[in-house]
Amino acid sequence: MTVGLAVLPGVATMTEAFQALRAGASGLKLFPGEAIPPEVVKAWRAVLPKDAELYPVGGVTPERIAPYRRAGANGFGIGSALYKPGAGVTNVERAARAFVSAWNEAGS
């Protein structure tokens, strides 16, 4: 039964990526992002199907948005760089604005 949900399993190797895509994944969560830098994303793009969506997760900061986008990332998973326990609304808003600005400045 199709319910219109995206399936984005976490992968850290090309073997896992191809297995996930063969199993019907909508895209790939590249985790941990720190271990899969933009240079690796670019290399993966050269061999993965062109329509495979790639989402680095873990270690993504506003400064890393542009290099990842240039390498072929479709988007990002952001957690602790956006919110940490105890962070006030102002801090979360500031972090969110930094991510939005970095995304917009990076272009597509």
PDB file of N, CA and C in Angstrom:
ATOM      1  N   MET A   1       0.846  -1.187   0.000  1.00  0.00           N
ATOM      2  CA  MET A   1       0.000   0.000   0.000  1.00  0.00           C
ATOM      3  C   MET A   1       0.884   1.241   0.000  1.00  0.00           C
ATOM      4  N   THR A   2       0.623   2.166  -0.890  1.00  0.00           N
ATOM      5  CA  THR A   2       1.359   3.420  -0.950  1.00  0.00           C
ATOM      6  C   THR A   2       0.580   4.474  -0.200  1.00  0.00           C
ATOM      7  N   VAL A   3       1.287   5.164   0.703  1.00  0.00           N
ATOM      8  CA  VAL A   3       0.615   6.205   1.492  1.00  0.00           C
ATOM      9  C   VAL A   3       1.244   7.574   1.280  1.00  0.00           C
ATOM     10  N   GLY A   4       2.150   7.693   0.326  1.00  0.00           N
ATOM     11  CA  GLY A   4       2.728   8.987   0.006  1.00  0.00           C
ATOM     12  C   GLY A   4       3.789   9.476   0.965  1.00  0.00           C
ATOM     13  N   LEU A   5       4.415   8.579   1.696  1.00  0.00           N
ATOM     14  CA  LEU A   5       5.466   8.974   2.622  1.00  0.00           C
ATOM     15  C   LEU A   5       6.836   8.765   2.005  1.00  0.00           C
ATOM     16  N   ALA A   6       7.752   9.636   2.339  1.00  0.00           N
ATOM     17  CA  ALA A   6       9.133   9.481   1.888  1.00  0.00           C
ATOM     18  C   ALA A   6       9.853   8.543   2.847  1.00  0.00           C
ATOM     19  N   VAL A   7      10.701   7.706   2.303  1.00  0.00           N
ATOM     20  CA  VAL A   7      11.512   6.793   3.100  1.00  0.00           C
ATOM     21  C   VAL A   7      12.967   7.175   2.877  1.00  0.00           C
ATOM     22  N   LEU A   8      13.639   7.608   3.947  1.00  0.00           N
ATOM     23  CA  LEU A   8      15.015   8.086   3.860  1.00  0.00           C
ATOM     24  C   LEU A   8      15.886   7.338   4.870  1.00  0.00           C
ATOM     25  N   PRO A   9      16.293   6.127   4.539  1.00  0.00           N
ATOM     26  CA  PRO A   9      17.123   5.372   5.484  1.00  0.00           C
ATOM     27  C   PRO A   9      18.522   5.984   5.597  1.00  0.00           C
ATOM     28  N   GLY A  10      19.108   5.813   6.760  1.00  0.00           N
ATOM     29  CA  GLY A  10      20.470   6.281   6.972  1.00  0.00           C
ATOM     30  C   GLY A  10      21.470   5.338   6.337  1.00  0.00           C
ATOM     31  N   VAL A  11      22.431   5.898   5.634  1.00  0.00           N
ATOM     32  CA  VAL A  11      23.490   5.103   5.006  1.00  0.00           C
ATOM     33  C   VAL A  11      24.833   5.781   5.267  1.00  0.00           C
ATOM     34  N   ALA A  12      25.872   4.959   5.306  1.00  0.00           N
ATOM     35  CA  ALA A  12      27.218   5.494   5.503  1.00  0.00           C
ATOM     36  C   ALA A  12      28.205   4.966   4.468  1.00  0.00           C
ATOM     37  N   THR A  13      27.739   4.042   3.609  1.00  0.00           N
ATOM     38  CA  THR A  13      28.607   3.474   2.577  1.00  0.00           C
ATOM     39  C   THR A  13      27.841   3.385   1.270  1.00  0.00           C
ATOM     40  N   MET A  14      28.577   3.239   0.186  1.00  0.00           N
ATOM     41  CA  MET A  14      27.936   3.067  -1.119  1.00  0.00           C
ATOM     42  C   MET A  14      27.136   1.768  -1.164  1.00  0.00           C
ATOM     43  N   THR A  15      27.646   0.720  -0.544  1.00  0.00           N
ATOM     44  CA  THR A  15      26.913  -0.548  -0.521  1.00  0.00           C
ATOM     45  C   THR A  15      25.546  -0.344   0.127  1.00  0.00           C
ATOM     46  N   GLU A  16      25.529   0.327   1.268  1.00  0.00           N
ATOM     47  CA  GLU A  16      24.252   0.604   1.938  1.00  0.00           C
ATOM     48  C   GLU A  16      23.354   1.479   1.074  1.00  0.00           C
ATOM     49  N   ALA A  17      23.946   2.455   0.389  1.00  0.00           N
ATOM     50  CA  ALA A  17      23.166   3.350  -0.461  1.00  0.00           C
ATOM     51  C   ALA A  17      22.476   2.579  -1.580  1.00  0.00           C
ATOM     52  N   PHE A  18      23.225   1.735  -2.285  1.00  0.00           N
ATOM     53  CA  PHE A  18      22.623   0.966  -3.374  1.00  0.00           C
ATOM     54  C   PHE A  18      21.580  -0.015  -2.853  1.00  0.00           C
ATOM     55  N   GLN A  19      21.832  -0.642  -1.726  1.00  0.00           N
ATOM     56  CA  GLN A  19      20.845  -1.559  -1.143  1.00  0.00           C
ATOM     57  C   GLN A  19      19.559  -0.817  -0.796  1.00  0.00           C
ATOM     58  N   ALA A  20      19.688   0.358  -0.190  1.00  0.00           N
ATOM     59  CA  ALA A  20      18.513   1.146   0.190  1.00  0.00           C
ATOM     60  C   ALA A  20      17.715   1.562  -1.039  1.00  0.00           C
ATOM     61  N   LEU A  21      18.388   2.003  -2.084  1.00  0.00           N
ATOM     62  CA  LEU A  21      17.687   2.407  -3.301  1.00  0.00           C
ATOM     63  C   LEU A  21      17.002   1.217  -3.963  1.00  0.00           C
ATOM     64  N   ARG A  22      17.682   0.061  -3.994  1.00  0.00           N
ATOM     65  CA  ARG A  22      17.052  -1.146  -4.564  1.00  0.00           C
ATOM     66  C   ARG A  22      15.815  -1.556  -3.767  1.00  0.00           C
ATOM     67  N   ALA A  23      15.836  -1.282  -2.465  1.00  0.00           N
ATOM     68  CA  ALA A  23      14.700  -1.639  -1.608  1.00  0.00           C
ATOM     69  C   ALA A  23      13.569  -0.625  -1.703  1.00  0.00           C
ATOM     70  N   GLY A  24      13.758   0.442  -2.473  1.00  0.00           N
ATOM     71  CA  GLY A  24      12.684   1.405  -2.688  1.00  0.00           C
ATOM     72  C   GLY A  24      12.800   2.705  -1.923  1.00  0.00           C
ATOM     73  N   ALA A  25      13.952   3.013  -1.355  1.00  0.00           N
ATOM     74  CA  ALA A  25      14.121   4.265  -0.622  1.00  0.00           C
ATOM     75  C   ALA A  25      13.822   5.462  -1.514  1.00  0.00           C
ATOM     76  N   SER A  26      13.189   6.469  -0.937  1.00  0.00           N
ATOM     77  CA  SER A  26      12.900   7.710  -1.657  1.00  0.00           C
ATOM     78  C   SER A  26      14.148   8.564  -1.798  1.00  0.00           C
ATOM     79  N   GLY A  27      15.030   8.449  -0.842  1.00  0.00           N
ATOM     80  CA  GLY A  27      16.273   9.210  -0.804  1.00  0.00           C
ATOM     81  C   GLY A  27      17.150   8.605   0.276  1.00  0.00           C
ATOM     82  N   LEU A  28      18.284   9.234   0.518  1.00  0.00           N
ATOM     83  CA  LEU A  28      19.254   8.683   1.453  1.00  0.00           C
ATOM     84  C   LEU A  28      19.664   9.721   2.488  1.00  0.00           C
ATOM     85  N   LYS A  29      19.602   9.332   3.746  1.00  0.00           N
ATOM     86  CA  LYS A  29      20.117  10.151   4.840  1.00  0.00           C
ATOM     87  C   LYS A  29      21.582   9.758   5.010  1.00  0.00           C
ATOM     88  N   LEU A  30      22.492  10.662   4.701  1.00  0.00           N
ATOM     89  CA  LEU A  30      23.925  10.388   4.799  1.00  0.00           C
ATOM     90  C   LEU A  30      24.356  10.652   6.232  1.00  0.00           C
ATOM     91  N   PHE A  31      24.604   9.588   6.979  1.00  0.00           N
ATOM     92  CA  PHE A  31      24.873   9.719   8.413  1.00  0.00           C
ATOM     93  C   PHE A  31      26.055   8.861   8.817  1.00  0.00           C
ATOM     94  N   PRO A  32      26.920   9.413   9.622  1.00  0.00           N
ATOM     95  CA  PRO A  32      26.968  10.804  10.096  1.00  0.00           C
ATOM     96  C   PRO A  32      27.599  11.724   9.058  1.00  0.00           C
ATOM     97  N   GLY A  33      27.035  12.910   8.936  1.00  0.00           N
ATOM     98  CA  GLY A  33      27.510  13.867   7.951  1.00  0.00           C
ATOM     99  C   GLY A  33      28.990  14.195   8.093  1.00  0.00           C
ATOM    100  N   GLU A  34      29.480  14.200   9.333  1.00  0.00           N
ATOM    101  CA  GLU A  34      30.901  14.496   9.538  1.00  0.00           C
ATOM    102  C   GLU A  34      31.796  13.490   8.819  1.00  0.00           C
ATOM    103  N   ALA A  35      31.330  12.268   8.672  1.00  0.00           N
ATOM    104  CA  ALA A  35      32.121  11.216   8.035  1.00  0.00           C
ATOM    105  C   ALA A  35      31.885  11.153   6.529  1.00  0.00           C
ATOM    106  N   ILE A  36      30.913  11.927   6.039  1.00  0.00           N
ATOM    107  CA  ILE A  36      30.593  11.944   4.614  1.00  0.00           C
ATOM    108  C   ILE A  36      30.627  13.407   4.161  1.00  0.00           C
ATOM    109  N   PRO A  37      31.826  13.957   4.041  1.00  0.00           N
ATOM    110  CA  PRO A  37      31.959  15.375   3.695  1.00  0.00           C
ATOM    111  C   PRO A  37      31.558  15.650   2.247  1.00  0.00           C
ATOM    112  N   PRO A  38      31.472  16.922   1.872  1.00  0.00           N
ATOM    113  CA  PRO A  38      31.059  17.276   0.512  1.00  0.00           C
ATOM    114  C   PRO A  38      31.840  16.570  -0.590  1.00  0.00           C
ATOM    115  N   GLU A  39      33.122  16.345  -0.393  1.00  0.00           N
ATOM    116  CA  GLU A  39      33.918  15.664  -1.417  1.00  0.00           C
ATOM    117  C   GLU A  39      33.413  14.243  -1.662  1.00  0.00           C
ATOM    118  N   VAL A  40      32.960  13.587  -0.605  1.00  0.00           N
ATOM    119  CA  VAL A  40      32.417  12.232  -0.739  1.00  0.00           C
ATOM    120  C   VAL A  40      31.039  12.288  -1.397  1.00  0.00           C
ATOM    121  N   VAL A  41      30.228  13.267  -1.028  1.00  0.00           N
ATOM    122  CA  VAL A  41      28.914  13.426  -1.661  1.00  0.00           C
ATOM    123  C   VAL A  41      29.094  13.598  -3.171  1.00  0.00           C
ATOM    124  N   LYS A  42      30.056  14.399  -3.566  1.00  0.00           N
ATOM    125  CA  LYS A  42      30.324  14.603  -5.002  1.00  0.00           C
ATOM    126  C   LYS A  42      30.707  13.288  -5.673  1.00  0.00           C
ATOM    127  N   ALA A  43      31.541  12.499  -5.015  1.00  0.00           N
ATOM    128  CA  ALA A  43      31.943  11.210  -5.576  1.00  0.00           C
ATOM    129  C   ALA A  43      30.747  10.258  -5.663  1.00  0.00           C
ATOM    130  N   TRP A  44      29.905  10.245  -4.655  1.00  0.00           N
ATOM    131  CA  TRP A  44      28.707   9.400  -4.680  1.00  0.00           C
ATOM    132  C   TRP A  44      27.791   9.810  -5.824  1.00  0.00           C
ATOM    133  N   ARG A  45      27.652  11.124  -6.016  1.00  0.00           N
ATOM    134  CA  ARG A  45      26.786  11.631  -7.091  1.00  0.00           C
ATOM    135  C   ARG A  45      27.215  11.074  -8.449  1.00  0.00           C
ATOM    136  N   ALA A  46      28.495  10.830  -8.630  1.00  0.00           N
ATOM    137  CA  ALA A  46      29.010  10.347  -9.914  1.00  0.00           C
ATOM    138  C   ALA A  46      28.544   8.935 -10.226  1.00  0.00           C
ATOM    139  N   VAL A  47      28.148   8.161  -9.218  1.00  0.00           N
ATOM    140  CA  VAL A  47      27.775   6.762  -9.460  1.00  0.00           C
ATOM    141  C   VAL A  47      26.342   6.420  -9.073  1.00  0.00           C
ATOM    142  N   LEU A  48      25.722   7.225  -8.246  1.00  0.00           N
ATOM    143  CA  LEU A  48      24.328   6.957  -7.871  1.00  0.00           C
ATOM    144  C   LEU A  48      23.384   7.393  -8.987  1.00  0.00           C
ATOM    145  N   PRO A  49      22.183   6.832  -9.020  1.00  0.00           N
ATOM    146  CA  PRO A  49      21.201   7.307 -10.002  1.00  0.00           C
ATOM    147  C   PRO A  49      20.995   8.818  -9.858  1.00  0.00           C
ATOM    148  N   LYS A  50      20.827   9.501 -10.967  1.00  0.00           N
ATOM    149  CA  LYS A  50      20.712  10.962 -10.961  1.00  0.00           C
ATOM    150  C   LYS A  50      19.552  11.466 -10.113  1.00  0.00           C
ATOM    151  N   ASP A  51      18.486  10.661  -9.987  1.00  0.00           N
ATOM    152  CA  ASP A  51      17.322  11.105  -9.224  1.00  0.00           C
ATOM    153  C   ASP A  51      17.393  10.739  -7.739  1.00  0.00           C
ATOM    154  N   ALA A  52      18.480  10.126  -7.305  1.00  0.00           N
ATOM    155  CA  ALA A  52      18.633   9.778  -5.887  1.00  0.00           C
ATOM    156  C   ALA A  52      18.815  11.065  -5.082  1.00  0.00           C
ATOM    157  N   GLU A  53      17.996  11.237  -4.070  1.00  0.00           N
ATOM    158  CA  GLU A  53      18.105  12.423  -3.220  1.00  0.00           C
ATOM    159  C   GLU A  53      19.028  12.129  -2.048  1.00  0.00           C
ATOM    160  N   LEU A  54      19.906  13.095  -1.742  1.00  0.00           N
ATOM    161  CA  LEU A  54      20.910  12.920  -0.698  1.00  0.00           C
ATOM    162  C   LEU A  54      20.749  14.007   0.363  1.00  0.00           C
ATOM    163  N   TYR A  55      20.680  13.569   1.627  1.00  0.00           N
ATOM    164  CA  TYR A  55      20.463  14.471   2.752  1.00  0.00           C
ATOM    165  C   TYR A  55      21.495  14.222   3.848  1.00  0.00           C
ATOM    166  N   PRO A  56      22.592  14.996   3.893  1.00  0.00           N
ATOM    167  CA  PRO A  56      23.534  14.856   4.994  1.00  0.00           C
ATOM    168  C   PRO A  56      22.859  15.195   6.325  1.00  0.00           C
ATOM    169  N   VAL A  57      23.159  14.404   7.339  1.00  0.00           N
ATOM    170  CA  VAL A  57      22.599  14.598   8.678  1.00  0.00           C
ATOM    171  C   VAL A  57      23.716  14.375   9.683  1.00  0.00           C
ATOM    172  N   GLY A  58      23.850  15.288  10.618  1.00  0.00           N
ATOM    173  CA  GLY A  58      24.877  15.164  11.647  1.00  0.00           C
ATOM    174  C   GLY A  58      26.089  16.009  11.307  1.00  0.00           C
ATOM    175  N   GLY A  59      26.311  17.031  12.090  1.00  0.00           N
ATOM    176  CA  GLY A  59      27.460  17.894  11.852  1.00  0.00           C
ATOM    177  C   GLY A  59      27.228  18.965  10.812  1.00  0.00           C
ATOM    178  N   VAL A  60      25.990  19.138  10.387  1.00  0.00           N
ATOM    179  CA  VAL A  60      25.687  20.164   9.397  1.00  0.00           C
ATOM    180  C   VAL A  60      25.576  21.510  10.112  1.00  0.00           C
ATOM    181  N   THR A  61      26.340  22.476   9.617  1.00  0.00           N
ATOM    182  CA  THR A  61      26.308  23.842  10.141  1.00  0.00           C
ATOM    183  C   THR A  61      26.021  24.779   8.977  1.00  0.00           C
ATOM    184  N   PRO A  62      25.648  26.016   9.256  1.00  0.00           N
ATOM    185  CA  PRO A  62      25.417  26.951   8.144  1.00  0.00           C
ATOM    186  C   PRO A  62      26.619  27.068   7.216  1.00  0.00           C
ATOM    187  N   GLU A  63      27.821  26.993   7.767  1.00  0.00           N
ATOM    188  CA  GLU A  63      29.027  27.120   6.952  1.00  0.00           C
ATOM    189  C   GLU A  63      29.215  25.945   5.989  1.00  0.00           C
ATOM    190  N   ARG A  64      28.602  24.830   6.287  1.00  0.00           N
ATOM    191  CA  ARG A  64      28.772  23.636   5.441  1.00  0.00           C
ATOM    192  C   ARG A  64      27.671  23.486   4.388  1.00  0.00           C
ATOM    193  N   ILE A  65      26.651  24.312   4.457  1.00  0.00           N
ATOM    194  CA  ILE A  65      25.525  24.211   3.513  1.00  0.00           C
ATOM    195  C   ILE A  65      26.000  24.375   2.070  1.00  0.00           C
ATOM    196  N   ALA A  66      26.703  25.458   1.766  1.00  0.00           N
ATOM    197  CA  ALA A  66      27.110  25.726   0.378  1.00  0.00           C
ATOM    198  C   ALA A  66      28.006  24.623  -0.185  1.00  0.00           C
ATOM    199  N   PRO A  67      29.035  24.168   0.534  1.00  0.00           N
ATOM    200  CA  PRO A  67      29.847  23.083  -0.034  1.00  0.00           C
ATOM    201  C   PRO A  67      29.039  21.815  -0.296  1.00  0.00           C
ATOM    202  N   TYR A  68      28.129  21.472   0.605  1.00  0.00           N
ATOM    203  CA  TYR A  68      27.295  20.289   0.382  1.00  0.00           C
ATOM    204  C   TYR A  68      26.368  20.489  -0.814  1.00  0.00           C
ATOM    205  N   ARG A  69      25.770  21.657  -0.945  1.00  0.00           N
ATOM    206  CA  ARG A  69      24.869  21.899  -2.086  1.00  0.00           C
ATOM    207  C   ARG A  69      25.636  21.838  -3.399  1.00  0.00           C
ATOM    208  N   ARG A  70      26.838  22.420  -3.426  1.00  0.00           N
ATOM    209  CA  ARG A  70      27.655  22.360  -4.650  1.00  0.00           C
ATOM    210  C   ARG A  70      28.006  20.913  -4.994  1.00  0.00           C
ATOM    211  N   ALA A  71      28.135  20.079  -3.974  1.00  0.00           N
ATOM    212  CA  ALA A  71      28.485  18.669  -4.187  1.00  0.00           C
ATOM    213  C   ALA A  71      27.287  17.835  -4.621  1.00  0.00           C
ATOM    214  N   GLY A  72      26.062  18.369  -4.451  1.00  0.00           N
ATOM    215  CA  GLY A  72      24.883  17.646  -4.900  1.00  0.00           C
ATOM    216  C   GLY A  72      23.882  17.259  -3.840  1.00  0.00           C
ATOM    217  N   ALA A  73      24.022  17.768  -2.615  1.00  0.00           N
ATOM    218  CA  ALA A  73      23.034  17.477  -1.577  1.00  0.00           C
ATOM    219  C   ALA A  73      21.708  18.156  -1.918  1.00  0.00           C
ATOM    220  N   ASN A  74      20.613  17.447  -1.635  1.00  0.00           N
ATOM    221  CA  ASN A  74      19.277  17.981  -1.896  1.00  0.00           C
ATOM    222  C   ASN A  74      18.702  18.733  -0.711  1.00  0.00           C
ATOM    223  N   GLY A  75      19.227  18.483   0.455  1.00  0.00           N
ATOM    224  CA  GLY A  75      18.732  19.102   1.675  1.00  0.00           C
ATOM    225  C   GLY A  75      19.541  18.568   2.846  1.00  0.00           C
ATOM    226  N   PHE A  76      19.074  18.822   4.057  1.00  0.00           N
ATOM    227  CA  PHE A  76      19.839  18.485   5.242  1.00  0.00           C
ATOM    228  C   PHE A  76      18.934  18.101   6.393  1.00  0.00           C
ATOM    229  N   GLY A  77      19.472  17.299   7.292  1.00  0.00           N
ATOM    230  CA  GLY A  77      18.840  17.045   8.575  1.00  0.00           C
ATOM    231  C   GLY A  77      19.621  17.813   9.612  1.00  0.00           C
ATOM    232  N   ILE A  78      18.923  18.642  10.372  1.00  0.00           N
ATOM    233  CA  ILE A  78      19.598  19.513  11.329  1.00  0.00           C
ATOM    234  C   ILE A  78      18.971  19.302  12.705  1.00  0.00           C
ATOM    235  N   GLY A  79      19.804  19.081  13.691  1.00  0.00           N
ATOM    236  CA  GLY A  79      19.311  18.872  15.049  1.00  0.00           C
ATOM    237  C   GLY A  79      20.004  19.780  16.033  1.00  0.00           C
ATOM    238  N   SER A  80      21.091  19.299  16.614  1.00  0.00           N
ATOM    239  CA  SER A  80      21.747  20.028  17.704  1.00  0.00           C
ATOM    240  C   SER A  80      22.363  21.354  17.260  1.00  0.00           C
ATOM    241  N   ALA A  81      22.619  21.528  15.977  1.00  0.00           N
ATOM    242  CA  ALA A  81      23.115  22.824  15.506  1.00  0.00           C
ATOM    243  C   ALA A  81      22.000  23.863  15.491  1.00  0.00           C
ATOM    244  N   LEU A  82      20.774  23.401  15.538  1.00  0.00           N
ATOM    245  CA  LEU A  82      19.616  24.292  15.556  1.00  0.00           C
ATOM    246  C   LEU A  82      19.080  24.476  16.971  1.00  0.00           C
ATOM    247  N   TYR A  83      19.037  23.389  17.723  1.00  0.00           N
ATOM    248  CA  TYR A  83      18.475  23.455  19.074  1.00  0.00           C
ATOM    249  C   TYR A  83      19.261  22.576  20.033  1.00  0.00           C
ATOM    250  N   LYS A  84      19.571  23.144  21.182  1.00  0.00           N
ATOM    251  CA  LYS A  84      20.168  22.397  22.282  1.00  0.00           C
ATOM    252  C   LYS A  84      19.265  22.588  23.494  1.00  0.00           C
ATOM    253  N   PRO A  85      19.118  21.570  24.334  1.00  0.00           N
ATOM    254  CA  PRO A  85      18.278  21.726  25.524  1.00  0.00           C
ATOM    255  C   PRO A  85      18.649  22.996  26.294  1.00  0.00           C
ATOM    256  N   GLY A  86      17.631  23.740  26.646  1.00  0.00           N
ATOM    257  CA  GLY A  86      17.827  24.980  27.387  1.00  0.00           C
ATOM    258  C   GLY A  86      17.994  26.207  26.523  1.00  0.00           C
ATOM    259  N   ALA A  87      18.143  26.019  25.212  1.00  0.00           N
ATOM    260  CA  ALA A  87      18.289  27.174  24.318  1.00  0.00           C
ATOM    261  C   ALA A  87      16.995  27.966  24.315  1.00  0.00           C
ATOM    262  N   GLY A  88      17.110  29.243  24.446  1.00  0.00           N
ATOM    263  CA  GLY A  88      15.932  30.105  24.414  1.00  0.00           C
ATOM    264  C   GLY A  88      15.436  30.321  22.998  1.00  0.00           C
ATOM    265  N   VAL A  89      14.249  30.884  22.908  1.00  0.00           N
ATOM    266  CA  VAL A  89      13.629  31.139  21.608  1.00  0.00           C
ATOM    267  C   VAL A  89      14.527  32.019  20.743  1.00  0.00           C
ATOM    268  N   THR A  90      15.151  33.012  21.334  1.00  0.00           N
ATOM    269  CA  THR A  90      16.016  33.914  20.570  1.00  0.00           C
ATOM    270  C   THR A  90      17.195  33.167  19.957  1.00  0.00           C
ATOM    271  N   ASN A  91      17.792  32.262  20.716  1.00  0.00           N
ATOM    272  CA  ASN A  91      18.924  31.491  20.195  1.00  0.00           C
ATOM    273  C   ASN A  91      18.498  30.553  19.075  1.00  0.00           C
ATOM    274  N   VAL A  92      17.350  29.915  19.232  1.00  0.00           N
ATOM    275  CA  VAL A  92      16.854  29.012  18.188  1.00  0.00           C
ATOM    276  C   VAL A  92      16.510  29.816  16.939  1.00  0.00           C
ATOM    277  N   GLU A  93      15.883  30.961  17.128  1.00  0.00           N
ATOM    278  CA  GLU A  93      15.543  31.807  15.984  1.00  0.00           C
ATOM    279  C   GLU A  93      16.812  32.256  15.252  1.00  0.00           C
ATOM    280  N   ARG A  94      17.823  32.660  15.980  1.00  0.00           N
ATOM    281  CA  ARG A  94      19.083  33.093  15.377  1.00  0.00           C
ATOM    282  C   ARG A  94      19.708  31.955  14.570  1.00  0.00           C
ATOM    283  N   ALA A  95      19.722  30.760  15.155  1.00  0.00           N
ATOM    284  CA  ALA A  95      20.291  29.601  14.454  1.00  0.00           C
ATOM    285  C   ALA A  95      19.476  29.275  13.206  1.00  0.00           C
ATOM    286  N   ALA A  96      18.153  29.302  13.322  1.00  0.00           N
ATOM    287  CA  ALA A  96      17.288  29.001  12.178  1.00  0.00           C
ATOM    288  C   ALA A  96      17.502  30.007  11.057  1.00  0.00           C
ATOM    289  N   ARG A  97      17.600  31.256  11.403  1.00  0.00           N
ATOM    290  CA  ARG A  97      17.829  32.291  10.383  1.00  0.00           C
ATOM    291  C   ARG A  97      19.179  32.088   9.689  1.00  0.00           C
ATOM    292  N   ALA A  98      20.185  31.672  10.447  1.00  0.00           N
ATOM    293  CA  ALA A  98      21.502  31.419   9.854  1.00  0.00           C
ATOM    294  C   ALA A  98      21.430  30.278   8.844  1.00  0.00           C
ATOM    295  N   PHE A  99      20.668  29.219   9.173  1.00  0.00           N
ATOM    296  CA  PHE A  99      20.518  28.103   8.238  1.00  0.00           C
ATOM    297  C   PHE A  99      19.745  28.530   6.991  1.00  0.00           C
ATOM    298  N   VAL A 100      18.672  29.260   7.162  1.00  0.00           N
ATOM    299  CA  VAL A 100      17.874  29.712   6.012  1.00  0.00           C
ATOM    300  C   VAL A 100      18.722  30.621   5.115  1.00  0.00           C
ATOM    301  N   SER A 101      19.455  31.527   5.730  1.00  0.00           N
ATOM    302  CA  SER A 101      20.312  32.423   4.952  1.00  0.00           C
ATOM    303  C   SER A 101      21.379  31.645   4.185  1.00  0.00           C
ATOM    304  N   ALA A 102      22.008  30.682   4.855  1.00  0.00           N
ATOM    305  CA  ALA A 102      23.037  29.866   4.190  1.00  0.00           C
ATOM    306  C   ALA A 102      22.443  29.085   3.027  1.00  0.00           C
ATOM    307  N   TRP A 103      21.250  28.526   3.215  1.00  0.00           N
ATOM    308  CA  TRP A 103      20.575  27.775   2.148  1.00  0.00           C
ATOM    309  C   TRP A 103      20.302  28.689   0.951  1.00  0.00           C
ATOM    310  N   ASN A 104      19.723  29.856   1.230  1.00  0.00           N
ATOM    311  CA  ASN A 104      19.386  30.777   0.154  1.00  0.00           C
ATOM    312  C   ASN A 104      20.623  31.288  -0.570  1.00  0.00           C
ATOM    313  N   GLU A 105      21.677  31.595   0.161  1.00  0.00           N
ATOM    314  CA  GLU A 105      22.906  32.094  -0.441  1.00  0.00           C
ATOM    315  C   GLU A 105      23.622  31.023  -1.279  1.00  0.00           C
ATOM    316  N   ALA A 106      23.434  29.756  -0.900  1.00  0.00           N
ATOM    317  CA  ALA A 106      24.099  28.658  -1.619  1.00  0.00           C
ATOM    318  C   ALA A 106      23.483  28.410  -2.982  1.00  0.00           C
ATOM    319  N   GLY A 107      22.239  28.841  -3.176  1.00  0.00           N
ATOM    320  CA  GLY A 107      21.565  28.617  -4.457  1.00  0.00           C
ATOM    321  C   GLY A 107      21.298  27.146  -4.683  1.00  0.00           C
ATOM    322  N   SER A 108      20.970  26.793  -5.909  1.00  0.00           N
ATOM    323  CA  SER A 108      20.677  25.383  -6.189  1.00  0.00           C
ATOM    324  C   SER A 108      21.650  24.814  -7.181  1.00  0.00           C
TER     325      SER A 108
END
